[in-house]
Amino acid sequence: MKIAELFPSNYIKTDDIPAGKPVSLVIKSVELETIGDDEKAVLYFLKLKKGLPLNKTNATVLAETYGDDTDDWAGKAVLLKRDMTDYQGKRVPCIRLQTPSDSSGESEEIPF
């Protein structure tokens, strides 16, 4: 049994995204949720139970393409891809969002 099966998460993790090709999804809604001590915007998708807590980088990508009002993002396409970022002096995996107009190449269907 895998650890992810023992401790399931309500949120998409980096390991959920296959390396190499982005995952194509459609936004269902953006909800405010308490995660730990913080209130975060969480992106939810059609055909998927898990959400993706938004960081400023990913929220900005969506706002630049779909506008500043998160209510207008429902029904819009988005691509999730694995990437690396600097965090507390270390390179760590992360999830980055792209809009279809920003991407090139093929995408995967929902793997999780």
C-alpha atoms as a PDB file:
ATOM      1  CA  MET A   1       0.000   0.000   0.000  1.00  0.00           C
ATOM      2  CA  LYS A   2       1.258   3.479  -0.873  1.00  0.00           C
ATOM      3  CA  ILE A   3       1.489   6.254   1.712  1.00  0.00           C
ATOM      4  CA  ALA A   4      -0.834   8.410  -0.424  1.00  0.00           C
ATOM      5  CA  GLU A   5      -3.492   5.711  -0.004  1.00  0.00           C
ATOM      6  CA  LEU A   6      -3.041   5.672   3.773  1.00  0.00           C
ATOM      7  CA  PHE A   7      -3.251   9.460   4.038  1.00  0.00           C
ATOM      8  CA  PRO A   8      -5.451  10.723   1.195  1.00  0.00           C
ATOM      9  CA  SER A   9      -5.487  14.434   0.498  1.00  0.00           C
ATOM     10  CA  ASN A  10      -8.291  16.734  -0.640  1.00  0.00           C
ATOM     11  CA  TYR A  11      -5.756  18.635  -2.710  1.00  0.00           C
ATOM     12  CA  ILE A  12      -3.705  17.903  -5.812  1.00  0.00           C
ATOM     13  CA  LYS A  13      -0.059  17.171  -5.029  1.00  0.00           C
ATOM     14  CA  THR A  14       2.944  17.514  -7.307  1.00  0.00           C
ATOM     15  CA  ASP A  15       3.255  13.730  -7.468  1.00  0.00           C
ATOM     16  CA  ASP A  16      -0.277  13.542  -8.927  1.00  0.00           C
ATOM     17  CA  ILE A  17       0.919  15.297 -12.096  1.00  0.00           C
ATOM     18  CA  PRO A  18       2.853  13.143 -14.591  1.00  0.00           C
ATOM     19  CA  ALA A  19       6.287  14.409 -15.575  1.00  0.00           C
ATOM     20  CA  GLY A  20       6.666  15.638 -19.126  1.00  0.00           C
ATOM     21  CA  LYS A  21       3.126  16.512 -20.218  1.00  0.00           C
ATOM     22  CA  PRO A  22       0.682  18.947 -18.648  1.00  0.00           C
ATOM     23  CA  VAL A  23      -2.760  17.770 -17.514  1.00  0.00           C
ATOM     24  CA  SER A  24      -5.723  19.461 -19.201  1.00  0.00           C
ATOM     25  CA  LEU A  25      -8.661  20.389 -16.937  1.00  0.00           C
ATOM     26  CA  VAL A  26     -11.685  22.701 -16.899  1.00  0.00           C
ATOM     27  CA  ILE A  27     -12.250  25.022 -13.942  1.00  0.00           C
ATOM     28  CA  LYS A  28     -15.469  24.422 -11.995  1.00  0.00           C
ATOM     29  CA  SER A  29     -15.087  27.036  -9.251  1.00  0.00           C
ATOM     30  CA  VAL A  30     -12.801  28.934  -6.912  1.00  0.00           C
ATOM     31  CA  GLU A  31     -13.634  28.531  -3.211  1.00  0.00           C
ATOM     32  CA  LEU A  32     -12.120  30.145  -0.102  1.00  0.00           C
ATOM     33  CA  GLU A  33     -11.024  27.494   2.399  1.00  0.00           C
ATOM     34  CA  THR A  34      -9.093  27.415   5.639  1.00  0.00           C
ATOM     35  CA  ILE A  35      -5.868  25.459   5.169  1.00  0.00           C
ATOM     36  CA  GLY A  36      -3.848  25.313   8.353  1.00  0.00           C
ATOM     37  CA  ASP A  37      -3.928  28.833   9.792  1.00  0.00           C
ATOM     38  CA  ASP A  38      -4.505  30.539   6.442  1.00  0.00           C
ATOM     39  CA  GLU A  39      -7.503  31.184   4.249  1.00  0.00           C
ATOM     40  CA  LYS A  40      -6.663  30.238   0.669  1.00  0.00           C
ATOM     41  CA  ALA A  41      -8.386  30.320  -2.693  1.00  0.00           C
ATOM     42  CA  VAL A  42      -8.767  26.740  -3.936  1.00  0.00           C
ATOM     43  CA  LEU A  43      -9.351  25.951  -7.601  1.00  0.00           C
ATOM     44  CA  TYR A  44     -11.786  23.088  -8.290  1.00  0.00           C
ATOM     45  CA  PHE A  45     -12.172  21.289 -11.607  1.00  0.00           C
ATOM     46  CA  LEU A  46     -14.876  19.447 -13.507  1.00  0.00           C
ATOM     47  CA  LYS A  47     -14.573  15.631 -13.266  1.00  0.00           C
ATOM     48  CA  LEU A  48     -12.187  15.868 -10.300  1.00  0.00           C
ATOM     49  CA  LYS A  49     -12.750  15.851  -6.539  1.00  0.00           C
ATOM     50  CA  LYS A  50      -9.365  17.248  -5.516  1.00  0.00           C
ATOM     51  CA  GLY A  51      -8.732  20.978  -5.510  1.00  0.00           C
ATOM     52  CA  LEU A  52      -5.592  23.026  -6.068  1.00  0.00           C
ATOM     53  CA  PRO A  53      -4.784  25.751  -3.531  1.00  0.00           C
ATOM     54  CA  LEU A  54      -3.735  28.820  -5.495  1.00  0.00           C
ATOM     55  CA  ASN A  55      -0.508  30.639  -4.869  1.00  0.00           C
ATOM     56  CA  LYS A  56       0.059  34.152  -6.183  1.00  0.00           C
ATOM     57  CA  THR A  57       2.022  32.946  -9.231  1.00  0.00           C
ATOM     58  CA  ASN A  58      -0.718  30.590 -10.435  1.00  0.00           C
ATOM     59  CA  ALA A  59      -3.520  33.056  -9.637  1.00  0.00           C
ATOM     60  CA  THR A  60      -1.717  35.736 -11.660  1.00  0.00           C
ATOM     61  CA  VAL A  61      -1.444  33.427 -14.689  1.00  0.00           C
ATOM     62  CA  LEU A  62      -5.208  32.883 -14.624  1.00  0.00           C
ATOM     63  CA  ALA A  63      -5.990  36.552 -13.997  1.00  0.00           C
ATOM     64  CA  GLU A  64      -3.830  37.656 -16.941  1.00  0.00           C
ATOM     65  CA  THR A  65      -5.796  35.426 -19.320  1.00  0.00           C
ATOM     66  CA  TYR A  66      -9.284  35.161 -17.814  1.00  0.00           C
ATOM     67  CA  GLY A  67      -9.603  38.406 -15.878  1.00  0.00           C
ATOM     68  CA  ASP A  68      -9.288  39.504 -12.263  1.00  0.00           C
ATOM     69  CA  ASP A  69     -12.695  38.153 -11.092  1.00  0.00           C
ATOM     70  CA  THR A  70     -12.391  34.501 -10.062  1.00  0.00           C
ATOM     71  CA  ASP A  71     -16.135  34.006 -10.655  1.00  0.00           C
ATOM     72  CA  ASP A  72     -15.411  34.427 -14.383  1.00  0.00           C
ATOM     73  CA  TRP A  73     -12.956  31.510 -14.426  1.00  0.00           C
ATOM     74  CA  ALA A  74     -15.629  28.779 -14.297  1.00  0.00           C
ATOM     75  CA  GLY A  75     -15.740  26.817 -17.544  1.00  0.00           C
ATOM     76  CA  LYS A  76     -12.269  27.936 -18.620  1.00  0.00           C
ATOM     77  CA  ALA A  77      -9.529  25.502 -19.625  1.00  0.00           C
ATOM     78  CA  VAL A  78      -6.273  25.228 -17.732  1.00  0.00           C
ATOM     79  CA  LEU A  79      -3.174  23.050 -17.908  1.00  0.00           C
ATOM     80  CA  LEU A  80      -1.378  21.777 -14.790  1.00  0.00           C
ATOM     81  CA  LYS A  81       2.291  20.882 -15.136  1.00  0.00           C
ATOM     82  CA  ARG A  82       5.110  19.846 -12.850  1.00  0.00           C
ATOM     83  CA  ASP A  83       7.905  22.319 -12.424  1.00  0.00           C
ATOM     84  CA  MET A  84      10.606  23.311  -9.946  1.00  0.00           C
ATOM     85  CA  THR A  85      10.842  26.425  -7.793  1.00  0.00           C
ATOM     86  CA  ASP A  86      13.099  27.846  -5.109  1.00  0.00           C
ATOM     87  CA  TYR A  87      11.691  27.549  -1.580  1.00  0.00           C
ATOM     88  CA  GLN A  88      13.636  28.326   1.579  1.00  0.00           C
ATOM     89  CA  GLY A  89      16.934  28.070  -0.288  1.00  0.00           C
ATOM     90  CA  LYS A  90      16.184  24.705  -1.941  1.00  0.00           C
ATOM     91  CA  ARG A  91      14.878  23.590  -5.347  1.00  0.00           C
ATOM     92  CA  VAL A  92      11.553  21.828  -4.793  1.00  0.00           C
ATOM     93  CA  PRO A  93       8.853  20.453  -7.092  1.00  0.00           C
ATOM     94  CA  CYS A  94       5.731  22.551  -7.643  1.00  0.00           C
ATOM     95  CA  ILE A  95       2.618  22.732  -9.803  1.00  0.00           C
ATOM     96  CA  ARG A  96       2.377  25.530 -12.338  1.00  0.00           C
ATOM     97  CA  LEU A  97      -0.694  26.556 -14.307  1.00  0.00           C
ATOM     98  CA  GLN A  98      -0.809  27.472 -17.951  1.00  0.00           C
ATOM     99  CA  THR A  99      -3.690  28.540 -20.094  1.00  0.00           C
ATOM    100  CA  PRO A 100      -4.051  26.706 -23.419  1.00  0.00           C
ATOM    101  CA  SER A 101      -2.899  29.808 -25.327  1.00  0.00           C
ATOM    102  CA  ASP A 102       0.364  29.763 -23.300  1.00  0.00           C
ATOM    103  CA  SER A 103       1.209  26.146 -24.026  1.00  0.00           C
ATOM    104  CA  SER A 104       2.576  24.160 -26.883  1.00  0.00           C
ATOM    105  CA  GLY A 105       2.338  20.448 -27.456  1.00  0.00           C
ATOM    106  CA  GLU A 106       0.041  17.756 -26.150  1.00  0.00           C
ATOM    107  CA  SER A 107      -1.500  17.274 -22.751  1.00  0.00           C
ATOM    108  CA  GLU A 108      -2.546  14.291 -20.672  1.00  0.00           C
ATOM    109  CA  GLU A 109      -6.036  13.425 -19.529  1.00  0.00           C
ATOM    110  CA  ILE A 110      -6.770  13.356 -15.797  1.00  0.00           C
ATOM    111  CA  PRO A 111      -4.390  10.766 -14.289  1.00  0.00           C
ATOM    112  CA  PHE A 112      -5.763  10.862 -10.732  1.00  0.00           C
END
